[in-house]
Amino acid sequence: MVLHFSPWRHESELAMVRDWFFAGHVKHDDGFSDPMPDMRQRAVDRVNLWLFKAGHLPPALIATAGLTEALLHDEASRTERGISDLAMQSIYAMAFARFVNGFVDRDVARSQAAELALDGADVDNVAAATSTAKGESSMYAHAATIGMPPKFVDLRHEVTHGHIPSLIYLKRMTLQALEWLWDRWWLKNATGDPSRALRELEERTWLCRQAREADESRALVAQGAATVGMSTSDQVYDAMAVDESNGSHGIVEDNPSRPSIKGGKPSRKRKQAA
């Protein structure tokens, strides 16, 4: 498949995702390197992002993400998350059927013939073979041209017709399919060095952490200012409450020389003096 533009920024990013998917194939320069953390979910998410940006991707990328995601569902804690053995079988079966269809379906086989043709094969003859065969036999013919084991097509037919094998067999076939994808596509198309992409990822992670810490600091400062302002307001309110309470008990009238007016008439003492 020829992409009009690559959704990955450079070949180093594709190589980084390759190593995330296939950590077992990553070569370390020395024997003292720490084991690489499991980044497979990050790889699946990155492929989904590429698919969203580009609209379409090589079937090998989509198949690698789909098969890997099935393996990620099959964890020791899956029963706690409500994934039964039967549900897990369905997840494996769906991912595997999509994987095979993505390569041997007649509509896409011709475009994949040149990319995945066996070494030394005549690409023109391969493309002609994929366009003349029909029906289920055509799937085996298409699979043969790209070196896909017939047992992959067999399993695709089984799950399509409702014959779901055991969970152990499905997992084993999924792992074999991923190894086939590694040999037939990733080794040929993802040949870059991931160093640049890893360095850029580390820089973005550092910047995001700095921005998050700055936001948290600003939030704490704003919260502290709000607390101080609330305390000051409470003090003012308490003082006003005390003043109102004192006034209600007549303490405000602290000047005995001030004339008192009752009923609008002057007092008797002031009338006699007049």
C-alpha atoms as a PDB file:
ATOM      1  CA  MET A   1       0.000   0.000   0.000  1.00  0.00           C
ATOM      2  CA  VAL A   2       1.312   3.405  -1.009  1.00  0.00           C
ATOM      3  CA  LEU A   3       0.500   6.156   1.473  1.00  0.00           C
ATOM      4  CA  HIS A   4       0.006   9.657   0.137  1.00  0.00           C
ATOM      5  CA  PHE A   5       1.717  10.846   3.307  1.00  0.00           C
ATOM      6  CA  SER A   6       3.127   9.043   6.289  1.00  0.00           C
ATOM      7  CA  PRO A   7       1.223   9.725   9.504  1.00  0.00           C
ATOM      8  CA  TRP A   8       4.418   9.151  11.491  1.00  0.00           C
ATOM      9  CA  ARG A   9       6.686  12.184  11.649  1.00  0.00           C
ATOM     10  CA  HIS A  10       9.801  10.319  10.496  1.00  0.00           C
ATOM     11  CA  GLU A  11      11.132   6.803  10.142  1.00  0.00           C
ATOM     12  CA  SER A  12      12.482   6.926  13.668  1.00  0.00           C
ATOM     13  CA  GLU A  13       8.940   7.122  15.054  1.00  0.00           C
ATOM     14  CA  LEU A  14       7.928   4.016  13.093  1.00  0.00           C
ATOM     15  CA  ALA A  15      11.002   2.241  14.459  1.00  0.00           C
ATOM     16  CA  MET A  16      10.042   3.267  17.991  1.00  0.00           C
ATOM     17  CA  VAL A  17       6.577   1.755  17.591  1.00  0.00           C
ATOM     18  CA  ARG A  18       8.193  -1.360  16.103  1.00  0.00           C
ATOM     19  CA  ASP A  19      10.249  -1.806  19.267  1.00  0.00           C
ATOM     20  CA  TRP A  20       7.176  -1.184  21.424  1.00  0.00           C
ATOM     21  CA  PHE A  21       5.325  -3.993  19.668  1.00  0.00           C
ATOM     22  CA  PHE A  22       8.260  -6.413  19.513  1.00  0.00           C
ATOM     23  CA  ALA A  23      10.307  -5.771  22.632  1.00  0.00           C
ATOM     24  CA  GLY A  24      11.696  -9.298  22.417  1.00  0.00           C
ATOM     25  CA  HIS A  25      13.465  -8.417  19.165  1.00  0.00           C
ATOM     26  CA  VAL A  26      15.072  -5.235  20.498  1.00  0.00           C
ATOM     27  CA  LYS A  27      18.852  -5.496  20.619  1.00  0.00           C
ATOM     28  CA  HIS A  28      20.705  -3.770  23.442  1.00  0.00           C
ATOM     29  CA  ASP A  29      24.226  -2.477  22.998  1.00  0.00           C
ATOM     30  CA  ASP A  30      25.325  -4.062  26.251  1.00  0.00           C
ATOM     31  CA  GLY A  31      24.168  -6.789  28.525  1.00  0.00           C
ATOM     32  CA  PHE A  32      23.513  -4.490  31.452  1.00  0.00           C
ATOM     33  CA  SER A  33      20.519  -2.569  30.071  1.00  0.00           C
ATOM     34  CA  ASP A  34      17.336  -2.672  32.100  1.00  0.00           C
ATOM     35  CA  PRO A  35      14.466  -4.639  30.544  1.00  0.00           C
ATOM     36  CA  MET A  36      12.168  -2.474  28.471  1.00  0.00           C
ATOM     37  CA  PRO A  37       8.772  -1.797  30.093  1.00  0.00           C
ATOM     38  CA  ASP A  38       5.703  -3.162  28.369  1.00  0.00           C
ATOM     39  CA  MET A  39       4.810  -0.474  25.842  1.00  0.00           C
ATOM     40  CA  ARG A  40       2.446  -2.525  23.694  1.00  0.00           C
ATOM     41  CA  GLN A  41      -0.650  -0.550  24.668  1.00  0.00           C
ATOM     42  CA  ARG A  42       1.178   2.650  23.756  1.00  0.00           C
ATOM     43  CA  ALA A  43       1.991   1.098  20.392  1.00  0.00           C
ATOM     44  CA  VAL A  44      -1.651   0.166  19.786  1.00  0.00           C
ATOM     45  CA  ASP A  45      -2.741   3.696  20.686  1.00  0.00           C
ATOM     46  CA  ARG A  46      -0.151   5.206  18.347  1.00  0.00           C
ATOM     47  CA  VAL A  47      -1.322   3.064  15.417  1.00  0.00           C
ATOM     48  CA  ASN A  48      -4.931   4.080  16.099  1.00  0.00           C
ATOM     49  CA  LEU A  49      -3.819   7.713  16.067  1.00  0.00           C
ATOM     50  CA  TRP A  50      -2.065   7.197  12.730  1.00  0.00           C
ATOM     51  CA  LEU A  51      -5.160   5.545  11.315  1.00  0.00           C
ATOM     52  CA  PHE A  52      -7.272   8.499  12.434  1.00  0.00           C
ATOM     53  CA  LYS A  53      -4.869  10.962  10.824  1.00  0.00           C
ATOM     54  CA  ALA A  54      -4.262   9.120   7.543  1.00  0.00           C
ATOM     55  CA  GLY A  55      -7.588   7.336   7.048  1.00  0.00           C
ATOM     56  CA  HIS A  56      -5.845   4.116   6.014  1.00  0.00           C
ATOM     57  CA  LEU A  57      -2.659   2.237   6.861  1.00  0.00           C
ATOM     58  CA  PRO A  58      -0.797  -0.813   5.584  1.00  0.00           C
ATOM     59  CA  PRO A  59      -2.686  -3.960   6.666  1.00  0.00           C
ATOM     60  CA  ALA A  60       0.403  -5.162   8.523  1.00  0.00           C
ATOM     61  CA  LEU A  61       0.219  -2.202  10.891  1.00  0.00           C
ATOM     62  CA  ILE A  62      -3.492  -2.634  11.546  1.00  0.00           C
ATOM     63  CA  ALA A  63      -3.125  -6.400  11.980  1.00  0.00           C
ATOM     64  CA  THR A  64      -0.220  -6.011  14.404  1.00  0.00           C
ATOM     65  CA  ALA A  65      -2.254  -3.609  16.524  1.00  0.00           C
ATOM     66  CA  GLY A  66      -5.358  -5.819  16.442  1.00  0.00           C
ATOM     67  CA  LEU A  67      -3.554  -9.046  17.364  1.00  0.00           C
ATOM     68  CA  THR A  68      -1.524  -7.305  20.072  1.00  0.00           C
ATOM     69  CA  GLU A  69      -4.649  -5.780  21.591  1.00  0.00           C
ATOM     70  CA  ALA A  70      -6.194  -9.248  21.784  1.00  0.00           C
ATOM     71  CA  LEU A  71      -3.152 -10.471  23.707  1.00  0.00           C
ATOM     72  CA  LEU A  72      -3.396  -7.501  26.061  1.00  0.00           C
ATOM     73  CA  HIS A  73      -6.979  -8.459  26.895  1.00  0.00           C
ATOM     74  CA  ASP A  74      -5.833 -11.972  27.770  1.00  0.00           C
ATOM     75  CA  GLU A  75      -4.227 -11.191  31.106  1.00  0.00           C
ATOM     76  CA  ALA A  76      -4.384 -12.892  34.467  1.00  0.00           C
ATOM     77  CA  SER A  77      -6.771 -10.230  35.762  1.00  0.00           C
ATOM     78  CA  ARG A  78      -9.220 -10.444  32.838  1.00  0.00           C
ATOM     79  CA  THR A  79     -11.712 -12.517  34.844  1.00  0.00           C
ATOM     80  CA  GLU A  80     -11.861  -9.689  37.369  1.00  0.00           C
ATOM     81  CA  ARG A  81     -12.744  -7.352  34.495  1.00  0.00           C
ATOM     82  CA  GLY A  82     -15.574  -9.591  33.352  1.00  0.00           C
ATOM     83  CA  ILE A  83     -13.850 -11.211  30.337  1.00  0.00           C
ATOM     84  CA  SER A  84     -14.727 -14.881  30.334  1.00  0.00           C
ATOM     85  CA  ASP A  85     -12.932 -17.602  28.377  1.00  0.00           C
ATOM     86  CA  LEU A  86     -15.702 -17.599  25.782  1.00  0.00           C
ATOM     87  CA  ALA A  87     -15.449 -13.840  25.357  1.00  0.00           C
ATOM     88  CA  MET A  88     -11.672 -14.106  25.063  1.00  0.00           C
ATOM     89  CA  GLN A  89     -12.036 -16.733  22.359  1.00  0.00           C
ATOM     90  CA  SER A  90     -14.280 -14.378  20.409  1.00  0.00           C
ATOM     91  CA  ILE A  91     -11.760 -11.549  20.746  1.00  0.00           C
ATOM     92  CA  TYR A  92      -8.945 -13.730  19.409  1.00  0.00           C
ATOM     93  CA  ALA A  93     -11.116 -15.112  16.606  1.00  0.00           C
ATOM     94  CA  MET A  94     -12.226 -11.675  15.417  1.00  0.00           C
ATOM     95  CA  ALA A  95      -8.698 -10.264  15.473  1.00  0.00           C
ATOM     96  CA  PHE A  96      -7.314 -13.257  13.573  1.00  0.00           C
ATOM     97  CA  ALA A  97     -10.023 -13.205  10.916  1.00  0.00           C
ATOM     98  CA  ARG A  98      -9.399  -9.521  10.301  1.00  0.00           C
ATOM     99  CA  PHE A  99      -5.674 -10.186  10.068  1.00  0.00           C
ATOM    100  CA  VAL A 100      -6.062 -12.834   7.371  1.00  0.00           C
ATOM    101  CA  ASN A 101      -8.724 -10.897   5.453  1.00  0.00           C
ATOM    102  CA  GLY A 102      -6.445  -7.893   5.350  1.00  0.00           C
ATOM    103  CA  PHE A 103      -3.914  -9.841   3.290  1.00  0.00           C
ATOM    104  CA  VAL A 104      -5.689 -12.508   1.262  1.00  0.00           C
ATOM    105  CA  ASP A 105      -8.971 -10.814   0.393  1.00  0.00           C
ATOM    106  CA  ARG A 106      -9.097 -10.482  -3.399  1.00  0.00           C
ATOM    107  CA  ASP A 107      -9.704  -6.741  -3.272  1.00  0.00           C
ATOM    108  CA  VAL A 108      -6.472  -6.073  -1.396  1.00  0.00           C
ATOM    109  CA  ALA A 109      -4.275  -9.004  -2.384  1.00  0.00           C
ATOM    110  CA  ARG A 110      -3.061  -7.419  -5.602  1.00  0.00           C
ATOM    111  CA  SER A 111      -1.876  -4.252  -3.836  1.00  0.00           C
ATOM    112  CA  GLN A 112      -0.083  -6.361  -1.222  1.00  0.00           C
ATOM    113  CA  ALA A 113       1.546  -8.703  -3.738  1.00  0.00           C
ATOM    114  CA  ALA A 114       4.524  -6.473  -4.480  1.00  0.00           C
ATOM    115  CA  GLU A 115       5.038  -5.458  -0.856  1.00  0.00           C
ATOM    116  CA  LEU A 116       4.932  -8.935   0.672  1.00  0.00           C
ATOM    117  CA  ALA A 117       5.971 -11.153  -2.240  1.00  0.00           C
ATOM    118  CA  LEU A 118       8.440 -13.864  -1.340  1.00  0.00           C
ATOM    119  CA  ASP A 119      12.057 -13.061  -1.993  1.00  0.00           C
ATOM    120  CA  GLY A 120      12.968 -13.847  -5.599  1.00  0.00           C
ATOM    121  CA  ALA A 121       9.356 -14.097  -6.776  1.00  0.00           C
ATOM    122  CA  ASP A 122       8.237 -12.457 -10.021  1.00  0.00           C
ATOM    123  CA  VAL A 123       5.993  -9.602  -8.897  1.00  0.00           C
ATOM    124  CA  ASP A 124       4.085  -9.518 -12.208  1.00  0.00           C
ATOM    125  CA  ASN A 125       3.305 -13.233 -12.044  1.00  0.00           C
ATOM    126  CA  VAL A 126       2.315 -12.882  -8.390  1.00  0.00           C
ATOM    127  CA  ALA A 127      -0.097 -10.065  -9.183  1.00  0.00           C
ATOM    128  CA  ALA A 128      -1.580 -12.032 -12.072  1.00  0.00           C
ATOM    129  CA  ALA A 129      -2.120 -15.070  -9.869  1.00  0.00           C
ATOM    130  CA  THR A 130      -3.914 -13.056  -7.229  1.00  0.00           C
ATOM    131  CA  SER A 131      -6.303 -11.569  -9.779  1.00  0.00           C
ATOM    132  CA  THR A 132      -7.395 -14.815 -11.496  1.00  0.00           C
ATOM    133  CA  ALA A 133      -8.233 -17.061  -8.545  1.00  0.00           C
ATOM    134  CA  LYS A 134     -11.749 -17.042  -7.128  1.00  0.00           C
ATOM    135  CA  GLY A 135     -13.537 -18.151  -3.982  1.00  0.00           C
ATOM    136  CA  GLU A 136     -11.893 -19.715  -0.954  1.00  0.00           C
ATOM    137  CA  SER A 137      -9.237 -21.315  -3.138  1.00  0.00           C
ATOM    138  CA  SER A 138      -8.153 -17.818  -4.100  1.00  0.00           C
ATOM    139  CA  MET A 139      -7.351 -17.095  -0.466  1.00  0.00           C
ATOM    140  CA  TYR A 140      -4.923 -19.993  -0.376  1.00  0.00           C
ATOM    141  CA  ALA A 141      -3.418 -18.818  -3.657  1.00  0.00           C
ATOM    142  CA  HIS A 142      -3.049 -15.284  -2.367  1.00  0.00           C
ATOM    143  CA  ALA A 143      -1.572 -16.567   0.880  1.00  0.00           C
ATOM    144  CA  ALA A 144       0.961 -18.651  -1.011  1.00  0.00           C
ATOM    145  CA  THR A 145       2.182 -15.644  -2.985  1.00  0.00           C
ATOM    146  CA  ILE A 146       3.058 -13.718   0.177  1.00  0.00           C
ATOM    147  CA  GLY A 147       4.331 -16.669   2.172  1.00  0.00           C
ATOM    148  CA  MET A 148       1.420 -16.857   4.584  1.00  0.00           C
ATOM    149  CA  PRO A 149       1.075 -20.337   6.105  1.00  0.00           C
ATOM    150  CA  PRO A 150      -2.061 -22.193   4.935  1.00  0.00           C
ATOM    151  CA  LYS A 151      -2.962 -22.879   8.572  1.00  0.00           C
ATOM    152  CA  PHE A 152      -3.662 -19.159   8.994  1.00  0.00           C
ATOM    153  CA  VAL A 153      -6.279 -19.359   6.228  1.00  0.00           C
ATOM    154  CA  ASP A 154      -7.626 -22.588   7.755  1.00  0.00           C
ATOM    155  CA  LEU A 155      -8.168 -20.863  11.089  1.00  0.00           C
ATOM    156  CA  ARG A 156      -9.813 -17.927   9.372  1.00  0.00           C
ATOM    157  CA  HIS A 157     -12.314 -20.280   7.706  1.00  0.00           C
ATOM    158  CA  GLU A 158     -13.002 -22.068  11.000  1.00  0.00           C
ATOM    159  CA  VAL A 159     -13.806 -18.968  12.992  1.00  0.00           C
ATOM    160  CA  THR A 160     -15.784 -17.448  10.117  1.00  0.00           C
ATOM    161  CA  HIS A 161     -18.056 -20.505  10.035  1.00  0.00           C
ATOM    162  CA  GLY A 162     -18.500 -20.506  13.803  1.00  0.00           C
ATOM    163  CA  HIS A 163     -16.043 -23.241  14.741  1.00  0.00           C
ATOM    164  CA  ILE A 164     -14.026 -21.540  17.464  1.00  0.00           C
ATOM    165  CA  PRO A 165     -10.926 -23.508  18.602  1.00  0.00           C
ATOM    166  CA  SER A 166      -9.631 -23.618  22.143  1.00  0.00           C
ATOM    167  CA  LEU A 167      -8.254 -20.557  23.850  1.00  0.00           C
ATOM    168  CA  ILE A 168      -4.756 -22.031  24.045  1.00  0.00           C
ATOM    169  CA  TYR A 169      -4.671 -22.720  20.311  1.00  0.00           C
ATOM    170  CA  LEU A 170      -5.962 -19.250  19.438  1.00  0.00           C
ATOM    171  CA  LYS A 171      -3.301 -17.585  21.567  1.00  0.00           C
ATOM    172  CA  ARG A 172      -0.560 -19.712  20.052  1.00  0.00           C
ATOM    173  CA  MET A 173      -1.702 -18.876  16.527  1.00  0.00           C
ATOM    174  CA  THR A 174      -1.876 -15.179  17.397  1.00  0.00           C
ATOM    175  CA  LEU A 175       1.732 -15.220  18.570  1.00  0.00           C
ATOM    176  CA  GLN A 176       2.762 -17.020  15.383  1.00  0.00           C
ATOM    177  CA  ALA A 177       0.897 -14.467  13.293  1.00  0.00           C
ATOM    178  CA  LEU A 178       2.782 -11.647  14.987  1.00  0.00           C
ATOM    179  CA  GLU A 179       6.080 -13.375  14.271  1.00  0.00           C
ATOM    180  CA  TRP A 180       5.055 -13.731  10.629  1.00  0.00           C
ATOM    181  CA  LEU A 181       4.259 -10.010  10.496  1.00  0.00           C
ATOM    182  CA  TRP A 182       7.648  -9.248  11.993  1.00  0.00           C
ATOM    183  CA  ASP A 183       9.454 -11.302   9.365  1.00  0.00           C
ATOM    184  CA  ARG A 184       7.351 -10.305   6.355  1.00  0.00           C
ATOM    185  CA  TRP A 185       6.698  -6.596   6.971  1.00  0.00           C
ATOM    186  CA  TRP A 186       8.418  -4.985   9.940  1.00  0.00           C
ATOM    187  CA  LEU A 187      11.942  -6.136   9.090  1.00  0.00           C
ATOM    188  CA  LYS A 188      11.551  -4.764   5.565  1.00  0.00           C
ATOM    189  CA  ASN A 189       9.672  -1.532   6.208  1.00  0.00           C
ATOM    190  CA  ALA A 190      10.696  -0.345   9.689  1.00  0.00           C
ATOM    191  CA  THR A 191      14.462  -0.231   9.405  1.00  0.00           C
ATOM    192  CA  GLY A 192      15.135   3.096  11.114  1.00  0.00           C
ATOM    193  CA  ASP A 193      16.784   3.935  14.414  1.00  0.00           C
ATOM    194  CA  PRO A 194      14.324   4.844  17.208  1.00  0.00           C
ATOM    195  CA  SER A 195      16.820   7.079  19.052  1.00  0.00           C
ATOM    196  CA  ARG A 196      15.512  10.352  17.624  1.00  0.00           C
ATOM    197  CA  ALA A 197      11.860   9.522  18.368  1.00  0.00           C
ATOM    198  CA  LEU A 198      12.692   8.367  21.896  1.00  0.00           C
ATOM    199  CA  ARG A 199      14.620  11.565  22.553  1.00  0.00           C
ATOM    200  CA  GLU A 200      11.728  13.694  21.292  1.00  0.00           C
ATOM    201  CA  LEU A 201       9.276  11.678  23.392  1.00  0.00           C
ATOM    202  CA  GLU A 202      11.405  12.206  26.495  1.00  0.00           C
ATOM    203  CA  GLU A 203      11.565  15.954  25.826  1.00  0.00           C
ATOM    204  CA  ARG A 204       7.774  16.189  25.364  1.00  0.00           C
ATOM    205  CA  THR A 205       7.235  14.189  28.524  1.00  0.00           C
ATOM    206  CA  TRP A 206       9.526  16.534  30.456  1.00  0.00           C
ATOM    207  CA  LEU A 207       7.751  19.623  29.108  1.00  0.00           C
ATOM    208  CA  CYS A 208       4.341  18.184  29.990  1.00  0.00           C
ATOM    209  CA  ARG A 209       5.527  17.395  33.501  1.00  0.00           C
ATOM    210  CA  GLN A 210       6.884  20.923  33.943  1.00  0.00           C
ATOM    211  CA  ALA A 211       3.621  22.433  32.701  1.00  0.00           C
ATOM    212  CA  ARG A 212       1.580  20.213  35.018  1.00  0.00           C
ATOM    213  CA  GLU A 213       3.708  21.133  38.030  1.00  0.00           C
ATOM    214  CA  ALA A 214       3.378  24.837  37.155  1.00  0.00           C
ATOM    215  CA  ASP A 215      -0.409  24.493  36.946  1.00  0.00           C
ATOM    216  CA  GLU A 216      -0.497  22.724  40.296  1.00  0.00           C
ATOM    217  CA  SER A 217       1.650  25.472  41.875  1.00  0.00           C
ATOM    218  CA  ARG A 218      -0.635  28.187  40.526  1.00  0.00           C
ATOM    219  CA  ALA A 219      -3.665  26.314  41.818  1.00  0.00           C
ATOM    220  CA  LEU A 220      -2.124  26.049  45.296  1.00  0.00           C
ATOM    221  CA  VAL A 221      -1.282  29.770  45.314  1.00  0.00           C
ATOM    222  CA  ALA A 222      -4.811  30.680  44.235  1.00  0.00           C
ATOM    223  CA  GLN A 223      -6.271  28.369  46.860  1.00  0.00           C
ATOM    224  CA  GLY A 224      -4.079  29.946  49.544  1.00  0.00           C
ATOM    225  CA  ALA A 225      -5.092  33.457  48.496  1.00  0.00           C
ATOM    226  CA  ALA A 226      -8.737  32.494  48.570  1.00  0.00           C
ATOM    227  CA  THR A 227      -8.319  31.030  52.055  1.00  0.00           C
ATOM    228  CA  VAL A 228      -6.661  34.233  53.344  1.00  0.00           C
ATOM    229  CA  GLY A 229      -9.364  36.377  51.772  1.00  0.00           C
ATOM    230  CA  MET A 230     -12.092  34.266  53.324  1.00  0.00           C
ATOM    231  CA  SER A 231     -10.460  34.524  56.740  1.00  0.00           C
ATOM    232  CA  THR A 232     -10.294  38.341  56.493  1.00  0.00           C
ATOM    233  CA  SER A 233     -13.918  38.508  55.435  1.00  0.00           C
ATOM    234  CA  ASP A 234     -14.906  36.338  58.382  1.00  0.00           C
ATOM    235  CA  GLN A 235     -13.107  38.678  60.763  1.00  0.00           C
ATOM    236  CA  VAL A 236     -14.886  41.735  59.346  1.00  0.00           C
ATOM    237  CA  TYR A 237     -18.215  39.958  59.506  1.00  0.00           C
ATOM    238  CA  ASP A 238     -17.600  38.969  63.139  1.00  0.00           C
ATOM    239  CA  ALA A 239     -16.749  42.581  64.070  1.00  0.00           C
ATOM    240  CA  MET A 240     -19.925  43.859  62.426  1.00  0.00           C
ATOM    241  CA  ALA A 241     -21.926  41.232  64.248  1.00  0.00           C
ATOM    242  CA  VAL A 242     -20.473  42.375  67.601  1.00  0.00           C
ATOM    243  CA  ASP A 243     -21.316  46.021  66.848  1.00  0.00           C
ATOM    244  CA  GLU A 244     -24.878  45.156  65.974  1.00  0.00           C
ATOM    245  CA  SER A 245     -25.192  43.075  69.111  1.00  0.00           C
ATOM    246  CA  ASN A 246     -23.902  45.924  71.306  1.00  0.00           C
ATOM    247  CA  GLY A 247     -26.284  48.408  69.719  1.00  0.00           C
ATOM    248  CA  SER A 248     -29.275  46.212  70.365  1.00  0.00           C
ATOM    249  CA  HIS A 249     -28.508  46.335  74.153  1.00  0.00           C
ATOM    250  CA  GLY A 250     -28.425  50.154  74.345  1.00  0.00           C
ATOM    251  CA  ILE A 251     -24.654  50.399  74.853  1.00  0.00           C
ATOM    252  CA  VAL A 252     -24.336  52.823  71.940  1.00  0.00           C
ATOM    253  CA  GLU A 253     -26.004  55.647  74.001  1.00  0.00           C
ATOM    254  CA  ASP A 254     -22.935  56.492  76.064  1.00  0.00           C
ATOM    255  CA  ASN A 255     -23.461  60.374  76.210  1.00  0.00           C
ATOM    256  CA  PRO A 256     -25.642  61.315  79.210  1.00  0.00           C
ATOM    257  CA  SER A 257     -25.711  65.022  78.297  1.00  0.00           C
ATOM    258  CA  ARG A 258     -27.487  64.350  75.043  1.00  0.00           C
ATOM    259  CA  PRO A 259     -31.170  65.226  75.377  1.00  0.00           C
ATOM    260  CA  SER A 260     -33.601  62.427  75.229  1.00  0.00           C
ATOM    261  CA  ILE A 261     -36.739  62.804  73.226  1.00  0.00           C
ATOM    262  CA  LYS A 262     -39.814  60.852  74.160  1.00  0.00           C
ATOM    263  CA  GLY A 263     -42.938  61.233  72.176  1.00  0.00           C
ATOM    264  CA  GLY A 264     -41.504  64.324  70.436  1.00  0.00           C
ATOM    265  CA  LYS A 265     -41.656  66.567  73.605  1.00  0.00           C
ATOM    266  CA  PRO A 266     -38.707  68.127  75.464  1.00  0.00           C
ATOM    267  CA  SER A 267     -37.968  66.899  78.955  1.00  0.00           C
ATOM    268  CA  ARG A 268     -39.508  68.714  82.045  1.00  0.00           C
ATOM    269  CA  LYS A 269     -36.127  69.993  83.300  1.00  0.00           C
ATOM    270  CA  ARG A 270     -35.363  71.789  80.049  1.00  0.00           C
ATOM    271  CA  LYS A 271     -38.934  73.320  80.044  1.00  0.00           C
ATOM    272  CA  GLN A 272     -38.543  74.830  83.525  1.00  0.00           C
ATOM    273  CA  ALA A 273     -35.165  76.306  82.651  1.00  0.00           C
ATOM    274  CA  ALA A 274     -36.723  77.999  79.662  1.00  0.00           C
END
